[in-house]
Amino acid sequence: MRQTAAELAVVGAQVLTPTEDGPRWRRLDLYSSAGRITELRDPSLPSLPARETVNAAGRVLLPGLVNAHTHSSGQLCRLSYPRDVLECWLVDTLGLSRGMTAEDAAVAAQMHAADALRNGVTTLLDHARLVGPSVAAVLGAYRQSGIRVVLAPQLTDLKYSEGLPDIGPSLRTLLSEADAWPARTAEAELELCKEVLEQTAGRSRLSVLLGPSAPERCSDRLLEGVGRLAADAAVGIHTHLLESRLQASSGDAVGRLERIGLLGPATSVAHAVHLDHKGVRTLARHSVSVVHSPLCNLALGSGRSGTSELLRARITLGLGTDAHNSAGVQDLLSTARLALSLNRSELPPAEWLDGVAVWRMATEGGARALGLETEVGRLAPGHRADVLIVDPGAAGWLRAGEPAEEIVFSGFGAGLETVFVDGLPVYARGRPLNIDQLALLAEAAAAIRRLAKGEATAVAARLHGLVHEVSARVHPAHA
């Protein structure tokens, strides 16, 4: 009986394969069809027929990295790199992003995809600021790029000033008067989610999580609606949680999410810098995942997450780079190095994160946080054929000792050669294959200049000083 040919075979390489003790190198040939890995085959066995065969002798194969918390809009908000604490930075960022058109959002999404692929990220979560016309534009941009995206529409139905802690009537009045940005309704935000769900239905590389911006920026009405819609649509939830000291001053965010019913195995929370021990136990009890974004947390003066305590509580951890204008490029291996090193000065060596732990955060942990643990994050039959081909010489890898440690500490260097998503090449020879980078950069530069002159930036300028005063009153170290 004639065997059906695989669509793709990658032969001759060492493959990073998962084991209970961490990833290990094995000489295997990889076969894929219909976007999935069909077999990892011992090369001593007869080869299988394939429509396309890539000879990767001397190379290594890795699973594509999973960036579990990002914001594409930050690509066009590069005039608001961190110069103040989170809440002030966010004011400046909103002043730019609120002026974005659907075309701007598409440009930002394509820049975001290119940024990810250059750094070996094949799956990203985009906690995206969307309005009706931008949904189709953003989804179209991501489809063209070929990358795998989990879109989490960023939802809020409160005005910016309403999400700040109580700071007295006089300052509250000044903030309310300056905060001229219109708020959306809970109903409008839920309709937006339904539109995103409809437009992504049946798309293998596009999926959805419902994305409340943060508990303090959403009414109970919106959060309750998110819970109902997530249950009806069988999708998960992704939100910021306790990112800053100011947020920690705004009440029991974890308890509120638990009361409303939004905590569960399909929920992931980003940052979680200011969780207390009770909050850690609550997240663990509900099997909530946490996405660690260490560089963003440091750049915005937010603090450092207690990752060792989270792992002791058996909480799944993923890694995120956040927005370009908060932490820079989607270099997830640099993020992993920082996560590995960040808290070592305060902990005994027995509690230090190691290379295997942070590699899992960048792959399988991120996949689990996004509800994609059976799809991405490892090279195994049945998983998506999201594959990196790396030249170990150009990456400076000796392949001696613990593989995960060498990958994390060495990075890719100039070694990332080819990126496949669903078995299709999307990056090769140093560039994304489906994106015109030069034209894209020109469009982005023009958009950034225009956004800087928008009406929303004038509101941001009036709000910034007042928000800084709020921060200084609540936490004098921010003065």
Protein backbone atom coordinates (compact mmCIF):
# COMPACT_ATOMS: atom_id res chain seq x y z
CA MET A 1 0.00 0.00 0.00
CA ARG A 2 1.45 3.32 -1.05
CA GLN A 3 2.03 5.69 1.85
CA THR A 4 0.61 9.22 1.61
CA ALA A 5 3.41 11.75 1.38
CA ALA A 6 3.92 14.18 4.22
CA GLU A 7 3.68 17.83 3.25
CA LEU A 8 7.02 18.68 4.91
CA ALA A 9 10.04 16.74 6.10
CA VAL A 10 12.93 18.37 7.98
CA VAL A 11 15.78 15.86 8.11
CA GLY A 12 19.31 15.61 9.40
CA ALA A 13 18.89 17.81 12.49
CA GLN A 14 19.13 17.41 16.24
CA VAL A 15 15.66 17.95 17.72
CA LEU A 16 15.01 19.41 21.16
CA THR A 17 12.57 16.92 22.64
CA PRO A 18 10.77 17.24 26.00
CA THR A 19 11.43 14.85 28.88
CA GLU A 20 10.48 14.95 32.56
CA ASP A 21 14.03 16.09 33.40
CA GLY A 22 13.98 18.86 30.82
CA PRO A 23 14.57 19.05 27.07
CA ARG A 24 17.18 16.81 25.46
CA TRP A 25 18.79 16.66 22.02
CA ARG A 26 17.90 13.71 19.82
CA ARG A 27 18.72 13.01 16.21
CA LEU A 28 15.28 12.75 14.61
CA ASP A 29 13.59 13.56 11.31
CA LEU A 30 10.43 15.66 11.58
CA TYR A 31 7.40 15.11 9.32
CA SER A 32 4.28 17.25 9.18
CA SER A 33 0.98 17.41 7.31
CA ALA A 34 -2.06 19.69 7.58
CA GLY A 35 -0.12 21.95 9.89
CA ARG A 36 0.70 19.29 12.49
CA ILE A 37 3.71 17.15 13.30
CA THR A 38 2.87 13.63 12.21
CA GLU A 39 6.07 11.85 13.19
CA LEU A 40 9.48 12.34 14.78
CA ARG A 41 11.34 9.47 13.17
CA ASP A 42 14.59 7.76 14.00
CA PRO A 43 16.87 8.42 11.01
CA SER A 44 18.06 4.80 11.06
CA LEU A 45 14.60 3.85 9.78
CA PRO A 46 13.70 4.22 6.11
CA SER A 47 12.74 7.78 5.24
CA LEU A 48 9.13 8.64 4.44
CA PRO A 49 7.89 10.31 1.27
CA ALA A 50 7.36 14.07 1.50
CA ARG A 51 6.32 16.77 -0.94
CA GLU A 52 9.03 19.09 0.38
CA THR A 53 12.19 18.01 2.17
CA VAL A 54 14.47 20.42 4.03
CA ASN A 55 17.99 19.12 4.68
CA ALA A 56 18.87 20.54 8.10
CA ALA A 57 22.12 18.66 8.63
CA GLY A 58 24.26 20.41 11.22
CA ARG A 59 21.25 22.37 12.48
CA VAL A 60 18.95 22.03 15.49
CA LEU A 61 15.16 22.18 15.69
CA LEU A 62 13.34 23.95 18.53
CA PRO A 63 9.67 24.55 19.21
CA GLY A 64 8.54 28.07 18.41
CA LEU A 65 8.52 30.32 21.46
CA VAL A 66 5.26 31.46 23.09
CA ASN A 67 4.97 35.12 24.10
CA ALA A 68 1.99 35.03 26.44
CA HIS A 69 1.41 38.76 27.04
CA THR A 70 1.94 41.59 24.54
CA HIS A 71 0.23 44.71 23.18
CA SER A 72 0.60 45.38 19.44
CA SER A 73 -0.48 49.03 19.82
CA GLY A 74 2.82 49.72 21.58
CA GLN A 75 4.59 49.43 18.23
CA LEU A 76 3.12 52.82 17.26
CA CYS A 77 3.45 54.36 20.75
CA ARG A 78 7.22 54.70 20.65
CA LEU A 79 7.00 58.32 21.77
CA SER A 80 5.97 57.05 25.22
CA TYR A 81 8.83 54.85 26.37
CA PRO A 82 8.95 54.55 30.19
CA ARG A 83 9.91 57.80 31.94
CA ASP A 84 7.48 57.58 34.86
CA VAL A 85 5.53 54.97 36.80
CA LEU A 86 3.00 52.71 35.12
CA GLU A 87 -0.09 54.88 35.53
CA CYS A 88 1.63 57.95 34.07
CA TRP A 89 3.16 55.93 31.25
CA LEU A 90 -0.28 54.51 30.52
CA VAL A 91 -1.76 57.99 30.26
CA ASP A 92 0.84 58.92 27.64
CA THR A 93 0.31 55.61 25.82
CA LEU A 94 -3.46 56.06 25.74
CA GLY A 95 -2.96 59.55 24.35
CA LEU A 96 -1.32 57.97 21.33
CA SER A 97 -3.22 54.70 20.95
CA ARG A 98 -6.68 56.29 21.22
CA GLY A 99 -5.97 58.17 18.01
CA MET A 100 -5.13 55.05 16.01
CA THR A 101 -7.23 54.27 12.94
CA ALA A 102 -8.03 50.78 11.68
CA GLU A 103 -5.17 51.17 9.19
CA ASP A 104 -2.80 52.15 12.03
CA ALA A 105 -3.86 49.10 14.02
CA ALA A 106 -3.08 46.86 11.05
CA VAL A 107 0.36 48.43 10.64
CA ALA A 108 1.03 47.92 14.34
CA ALA A 109 -0.07 44.27 14.11
CA GLN A 110 2.23 43.59 11.17
CA MET A 111 5.15 45.27 12.94
CA HIS A 112 4.36 43.17 15.99
CA ALA A 113 4.32 39.96 13.95
CA ALA A 114 7.64 40.81 12.29
CA ASP A 115 9.17 41.65 15.67
CA ALA A 116 8.02 38.30 17.07
CA LEU A 117 9.24 36.18 14.16
CA ARG A 118 12.68 37.81 14.22
CA ASN A 119 12.97 36.55 17.80
CA GLY A 120 11.71 33.01 17.25
CA VAL A 121 8.22 33.68 18.65
CA THR A 122 5.63 31.76 16.67
CA THR A 123 2.69 32.28 19.06
CA LEU A 124 1.83 35.57 20.74
CA LEU A 125 -1.05 36.88 22.79
CA ASP A 126 -2.08 40.37 21.71
CA HIS A 127 -4.00 42.14 24.49
CA ALA A 128 -5.18 44.57 21.86
CA ARG A 129 -7.00 47.88 21.96
CA LEU A 130 -9.72 47.41 19.34
CA VAL A 131 -12.75 49.27 18.07
CA GLY A 132 -15.21 47.92 15.49
CA PRO A 133 -13.42 48.83 12.22
CA SER A 134 -10.02 47.74 13.50
CA VAL A 135 -11.04 44.14 14.20
CA ALA A 136 -11.02 43.02 10.55
CA ALA A 137 -7.91 45.09 9.84
CA VAL A 138 -5.89 43.55 12.68
CA LEU A 139 -7.03 40.02 11.94
CA GLY A 140 -6.20 40.49 8.27
CA ALA A 141 -2.73 41.76 9.12
CA TYR A 142 -2.02 38.77 11.32
CA ARG A 143 -3.37 36.30 8.75
CA GLN A 144 -1.07 37.78 6.12
CA SER A 145 1.98 37.52 8.39
CA GLY A 146 1.43 33.81 9.02
CA ILE A 147 2.11 34.01 12.75
CA ARG A 148 -0.11 32.33 15.37
CA VAL A 149 -2.04 34.85 17.46
CA VAL A 150 -4.33 34.69 20.45
CA LEU A 151 -6.31 37.92 20.35
CA ALA A 152 -7.57 39.24 23.69
CA PRO A 153 -9.61 42.41 23.06
CA GLN A 154 -8.68 44.80 25.88
CA LEU A 155 -11.96 45.69 27.58
CA THR A 156 -12.86 48.58 29.88
CA ASP A 157 -16.06 50.49 30.52
CA LEU A 158 -14.74 52.97 33.11
CA LYS A 159 -13.07 56.28 32.45
CA TYR A 160 -9.35 56.27 33.16
CA SER A 161 -9.68 58.42 36.28
CA GLU A 162 -12.31 56.07 37.73
CA GLY A 163 -9.79 53.24 37.88
CA LEU A 164 -7.50 55.13 40.25
CA PRO A 165 -7.68 54.68 44.06
CA ASP A 166 -9.57 57.13 46.27
CA ILE A 167 -7.36 60.21 46.71
CA GLY A 168 -9.73 62.80 48.13
CA PRO A 169 -12.49 64.94 46.61
CA SER A 170 -10.42 67.89 45.37
CA LEU A 171 -7.96 65.85 43.31
CA ARG A 172 -10.75 63.54 42.20
CA THR A 173 -12.64 66.55 40.83
CA LEU A 174 -9.58 67.80 38.93
CA LEU A 175 -9.00 64.34 37.47
CA SER A 176 -12.62 63.98 36.39
CA GLU A 177 -12.54 67.37 34.66
CA ALA A 178 -9.28 66.59 32.84
CA ASP A 179 -10.32 63.06 31.83
CA ALA A 180 -12.11 63.94 28.59
CA TRP A 181 -11.68 60.54 26.95
CA PRO A 182 -15.12 58.98 26.41
CA ALA A 183 -15.83 55.66 28.07
CA ARG A 184 -17.38 52.69 26.27
CA THR A 185 -20.30 50.78 27.73
CA ALA A 186 -20.17 47.22 29.00
CA GLU A 187 -22.64 46.24 26.27
CA ALA A 188 -20.46 47.73 23.53
CA GLU A 189 -17.38 45.89 24.83
CA LEU A 190 -19.21 42.57 24.90
CA GLU A 191 -20.51 43.12 21.36
CA LEU A 192 -16.92 43.75 20.29
CA CYS A 193 -15.92 40.40 21.78
CA LYS A 194 -18.71 38.66 19.89
CA GLU A 195 -17.49 40.26 16.65
CA VAL A 196 -13.94 39.02 17.27
CA LEU A 197 -15.23 35.53 18.05
CA GLU A 198 -17.24 35.47 14.81
CA GLN A 199 -14.34 36.67 12.68
CA THR A 200 -11.87 34.14 14.11
CA ALA A 201 -14.15 31.10 13.98
CA GLY A 202 -12.50 28.24 12.11
CA ARG A 203 -9.11 29.99 11.78
CA SER A 204 -6.30 27.61 12.71
CA ARG A 205 -3.79 30.34 13.55
CA LEU A 206 -6.20 32.80 15.22
CA SER A 207 -7.94 32.21 18.53
CA VAL A 208 -9.51 34.38 21.21
CA LEU A 209 -9.38 35.01 24.94
CA LEU A 210 -11.64 37.64 26.51
CA GLY A 211 -9.42 40.39 27.85
CA PRO A 212 -10.64 42.71 30.64
CA SER A 213 -7.95 45.39 30.87
CA ALA A 214 -7.70 45.04 34.65
CA PRO A 215 -10.25 44.59 37.45
CA GLU A 216 -10.05 48.23 38.54
CA ARG A 217 -10.80 49.44 35.00
CA CYS A 218 -13.98 47.38 34.63
CA SER A 219 -17.40 47.53 36.27
CA ASP A 220 -18.95 44.44 37.83
CA ARG A 221 -21.47 44.56 34.99
CA LEU A 222 -18.71 44.15 32.40
CA LEU A 223 -16.82 41.47 34.33
CA GLU A 224 -20.00 39.47 34.89
CA GLY A 225 -20.79 39.75 31.17
CA VAL A 226 -17.28 38.56 30.31
CA GLY A 227 -17.79 35.51 32.54
CA ARG A 228 -21.08 34.61 30.86
CA LEU A 229 -19.73 35.11 27.34
CA ALA A 230 -16.56 33.13 28.06
CA ALA A 231 -18.67 30.23 29.33
CA ASP A 232 -21.05 30.37 26.37
CA ALA A 233 -18.23 30.56 23.81
CA ALA A 234 -15.97 28.08 25.65
CA VAL A 235 -13.02 30.48 25.64
CA GLY A 236 -10.64 31.62 28.36
CA ILE A 237 -9.95 34.97 30.02
CA HIS A 238 -6.78 37.06 30.15
CA THR A 239 -6.31 40.20 32.27
CA HIS A 240 -3.73 42.38 33.98
CA LEU A 241 -3.60 41.83 37.73
CA LEU A 242 -1.83 43.77 40.50
CA GLU A 243 0.83 45.14 38.23
CA SER A 244 1.66 48.26 40.27
CA ARG A 245 1.66 49.59 43.82
CA LEU A 246 -1.20 51.89 42.91
CA GLN A 247 -3.29 48.94 41.73
CA ALA A 248 -2.55 47.15 44.99
CA SER A 249 -4.02 50.19 46.78
CA SER A 250 -7.34 49.85 44.93
CA GLY A 251 -8.87 46.98 46.93
CA ASP A 252 -8.88 43.19 46.84
CA ALA A 253 -8.64 42.55 43.09
CA VAL A 254 -8.15 38.78 43.45
CA GLY A 255 -11.11 38.48 45.81
CA ARG A 256 -13.28 40.48 43.42
CA LEU A 257 -12.40 38.26 40.46
CA GLU A 258 -13.11 35.20 42.58
CA ARG A 259 -16.46 36.60 43.75
CA ILE A 260 -17.56 37.32 40.19
CA GLY A 261 -16.45 33.87 39.07
CA LEU A 262 -13.64 34.73 36.65
CA LEU A 263 -10.93 32.57 38.21
CA GLY A 264 -10.37 29.11 36.79
CA PRO A 265 -8.02 26.91 34.71
CA ALA A 266 -8.91 28.89 31.56
CA THR A 267 -7.87 32.22 33.13
CA SER A 268 -4.40 33.76 32.85
CA VAL A 269 -3.26 36.95 34.56
CA ALA A 270 -0.36 39.15 33.53
CA HIS A 271 2.25 40.60 35.92
CA ALA A 272 0.82 39.72 39.40
CA VAL A 273 3.71 41.66 40.94
CA HIS A 274 1.90 42.63 44.14
CA LEU A 275 0.16 39.38 45.03
CA ASP A 276 0.12 38.62 48.73
CA HIS A 277 0.29 35.09 50.13
CA LYS A 278 -3.50 34.86 50.25
CA GLY A 279 -3.72 35.90 46.59
CA VAL A 280 -1.17 33.25 45.60
CA ARG A 281 -3.18 30.58 47.40
CA THR A 282 -6.39 31.76 45.72
CA LEU A 283 -4.90 31.65 42.22
CA ALA A 284 -3.42 28.21 42.94
CA ARG A 285 -6.75 26.90 44.23
CA HIS A 286 -8.44 27.91 40.98
CA SER A 287 -5.53 26.72 38.74
CA VAL A 288 -5.05 30.22 37.29
CA SER A 289 -1.90 30.77 35.18
CA VAL A 290 0.41 33.77 35.63
CA VAL A 291 2.34 35.46 32.81
CA HIS A 292 5.59 36.95 34.10
CA SER A 293 6.81 40.14 32.36
CA PRO A 294 9.97 41.03 34.29
CA LEU A 295 11.48 43.69 32.04
CA CYS A 296 8.28 45.70 31.77
CA ASN A 297 7.79 45.46 35.54
CA LEU A 298 11.26 46.88 36.14
CA ALA A 299 11.15 49.53 33.42
CA LEU A 300 7.94 51.00 34.86
CA GLY A 301 9.08 50.81 38.47
CA SER A 302 6.33 48.33 39.31
CA GLY A 303 8.44 45.80 41.20
CA ARG A 304 9.40 42.15 40.92
CA SER A 305 7.11 39.15 40.86
CA GLY A 306 7.58 36.36 43.40
CA THR A 307 8.06 33.66 40.80
CA SER A 308 9.60 31.12 43.20
CA GLU A 309 6.54 31.30 45.47
CA LEU A 310 4.25 30.94 42.46
CA LEU A 311 6.10 27.83 41.30
CA ARG A 312 6.05 26.35 44.82
CA ALA A 313 2.27 26.82 44.73
CA ARG A 314 2.27 24.82 41.44
CA ILE A 315 0.98 27.78 39.44
CA THR A 316 1.70 27.58 35.72
CA LEU A 317 4.01 30.39 34.62
CA GLY A 318 4.38 31.82 31.12
CA LEU A 319 6.57 34.65 29.88
CA GLY A 320 5.56 37.91 28.24
CA THR A 321 7.41 40.90 26.83
CA ASP A 322 4.46 43.32 27.14
CA ALA A 323 4.41 46.29 24.73
CA HIS A 324 7.28 47.56 22.61
CA ASN A 325 6.98 50.96 24.29
CA SER A 326 7.25 49.45 27.78
CA ALA A 327 9.97 46.83 27.40
CA GLY A 328 11.23 46.81 23.81
CA VAL A 329 11.49 43.97 21.33
CA GLN A 330 9.99 40.52 21.75
CA ASP A 331 13.32 38.94 22.65
CA LEU A 332 11.83 36.17 24.77
CA LEU A 333 15.17 34.53 25.51
CA SER A 334 16.48 37.78 27.00
CA THR A 335 13.26 37.94 29.02
CA ALA A 336 13.93 34.38 30.19
CA ARG A 337 17.48 35.31 31.30
CA LEU A 338 16.11 38.21 33.31
CA ALA A 339 13.40 36.02 34.85
CA LEU A 340 16.06 33.48 35.80
CA SER A 341 18.32 36.03 37.49
CA LEU A 342 15.90 38.61 38.88
CA ASN A 343 15.30 37.44 42.45
CA ARG A 344 18.47 35.44 43.09
CA SER A 345 20.04 38.05 45.38
CA GLU A 346 17.12 37.68 47.81
CA LEU A 347 16.76 33.88 47.80
CA PRO A 348 18.85 30.87 48.83
CA PRO A 349 20.24 28.98 45.83
CA ALA A 350 17.83 26.11 46.46
CA GLU A 351 14.97 28.44 45.48
CA TRP A 352 16.56 29.94 42.37
CA LEU A 353 14.88 29.48 39.01
CA ASP A 354 17.04 27.55 36.57
CA GLY A 355 17.32 27.33 32.82
CA VAL A 356 14.86 24.46 32.52
CA ALA A 357 12.20 26.38 34.48
CA VAL A 358 12.41 29.52 32.38
CA TRP A 359 12.64 27.57 29.10
CA ARG A 360 9.39 25.87 30.04
CA MET A 361 7.89 29.29 30.81
CA ALA A 362 8.87 30.45 27.31
CA THR A 363 7.33 27.38 25.66
CA GLU A 364 5.02 24.90 27.40
CA GLY A 365 4.07 27.24 30.27
CA GLY A 366 3.04 30.01 27.90
CA ALA A 367 1.10 27.51 25.80
CA ARG A 368 -0.79 26.28 28.85
CA ALA A 369 -1.53 29.84 29.98
CA LEU A 370 -3.14 30.51 26.60
CA GLY A 371 -5.12 27.27 26.49
CA LEU A 372 -2.90 25.88 23.72
CA GLU A 373 -1.01 23.18 25.63
CA THR A 374 -2.08 20.47 23.17
CA GLU A 375 -1.17 22.65 20.19
CA VAL A 376 2.14 24.47 20.69
CA GLY A 377 5.13 24.79 22.99
CA ARG A 378 6.83 21.47 22.21
CA LEU A 379 7.87 19.36 19.25
CA ALA A 380 5.72 16.24 19.49
CA PRO A 381 3.40 14.30 17.18
CA GLY A 382 -0.04 15.90 17.12
CA HIS A 383 1.26 19.36 17.97
CA ARG A 384 1.35 22.17 15.47
CA ALA A 385 4.38 22.26 13.22
CA ASP A 386 5.70 25.53 14.66
CA VAL A 387 9.41 24.92 14.26
CA LEU A 388 12.62 26.92 14.49
CA ILE A 389 15.70 25.87 12.53
CA VAL A 390 18.83 27.20 14.24
CA ASP A 391 22.48 27.08 13.21
CA PRO A 392 24.19 26.28 16.53
CA GLY A 393 27.51 27.61 15.29
CA ALA A 394 26.09 31.04 14.47
CA ALA A 395 24.26 30.99 17.79
CA GLY A 396 27.46 30.09 19.65
CA TRP A 397 26.05 26.88 21.13
CA LEU A 398 28.41 24.03 22.07
CA ARG A 399 25.53 21.66 22.94
CA ALA A 400 27.36 20.54 26.06
CA GLY A 401 25.58 20.19 29.37
CA GLU A 402 21.98 21.21 30.01
CA PRO A 403 20.38 22.22 26.68
CA ALA A 404 17.83 24.63 28.16
CA GLU A 405 20.49 26.52 30.08
CA GLU A 406 22.70 26.96 27.02
CA ILE A 407 19.80 28.16 24.87
CA VAL A 408 18.61 30.65 27.49
CA PHE A 409 22.04 32.00 28.39
CA SER A 410 23.37 32.09 24.81
CA GLY A 411 20.31 33.31 22.92
CA PHE A 412 19.95 32.94 19.18
CA GLY A 413 22.75 35.27 18.13
CA ALA A 414 22.80 35.14 14.34
CA GLY A 415 21.67 31.51 14.35
CA LEU A 416 17.91 31.71 13.72
CA GLU A 417 17.63 30.59 10.09
CA THR A 418 14.05 29.53 9.36
CA VAL A 419 10.72 29.73 11.17
CA PHE A 420 7.74 27.54 10.29
CA VAL A 421 4.18 28.04 11.54
CA ASP A 422 1.77 25.21 10.75
CA GLY A 423 4.55 23.73 8.64
CA LEU A 424 4.72 26.82 6.40
CA PRO A 425 7.84 29.01 6.20
CA VAL A 426 7.19 32.51 7.55
CA TYR A 427 10.75 33.70 8.25
CA ALA A 428 14.02 32.96 6.44
CA ARG A 429 17.26 34.67 5.43
CA GLY A 430 16.89 37.25 8.18
CA ARG A 431 13.42 38.56 7.28
CA PRO A 432 9.72 37.74 7.56
CA LEU A 433 8.59 36.27 4.26
CA ASN A 434 5.06 37.72 4.14
CA ILE A 435 5.77 41.29 5.25
CA ASP A 436 7.32 44.16 3.29
CA GLN A 437 9.43 45.57 6.10
CA LEU A 438 10.64 48.72 4.35
CA ALA A 439 7.16 49.79 3.31
CA LEU A 440 5.84 48.92 6.75
CA LEU A 441 8.43 51.04 8.54
CA ALA A 442 7.62 54.03 6.35
CA GLU A 443 3.91 53.67 7.14
CA ALA A 444 4.65 53.32 10.83
CA ALA A 445 6.85 56.42 10.94
CA ALA A 446 4.14 58.51 9.27
CA ALA A 447 1.51 57.17 11.68
CA ILE A 448 3.67 57.93 14.74
CA ARG A 449 4.18 61.55 13.61
CA ARG A 450 0.43 61.96 13.08
CA LEU A 451 -0.58 60.34 16.38
CA ALA A 452 1.72 62.71 18.27
CA LYS A 453 -0.47 65.61 17.11
CA GLY A 454 -3.83 63.99 17.87
CA GLU A 455 -6.53 65.34 20.15
CA ALA A 456 -6.14 62.45 22.60
CA THR A 457 -2.55 63.48 23.32
CA ALA A 458 -3.75 66.85 24.58
CA VAL A 459 -5.92 65.04 27.14
CA ALA A 460 -2.92 62.95 28.14
CA ALA A 461 -0.83 66.06 28.68
CA ARG A 462 -3.45 67.46 31.08
CA LEU A 463 -3.85 64.16 32.93
CA HIS A 464 -0.20 63.21 33.31
CA GLY A 465 0.70 65.64 36.12
CA LEU A 466 -2.49 64.86 38.06
CA VAL A 467 -1.91 61.11 37.84
CA HIS A 468 1.68 61.60 38.99
CA GLU A 469 0.31 63.46 42.03
CA VAL A 470 -2.05 60.57 42.78
CA SER A 471 0.90 58.19 42.66
CA ALA A 472 2.99 60.44 44.92
CA ARG A 473 0.21 60.69 47.50
CA VAL A 474 -0.35 56.96 47.67
CA HIS A 475 3.34 56.07 47.46
CA PRO A 476 5.65 58.98 48.39
CA ALA A 477 8.62 57.17 46.82
CA HIS A 478 7.00 57.98 43.45
CA ALA A 479 7.13 61.74 44.07
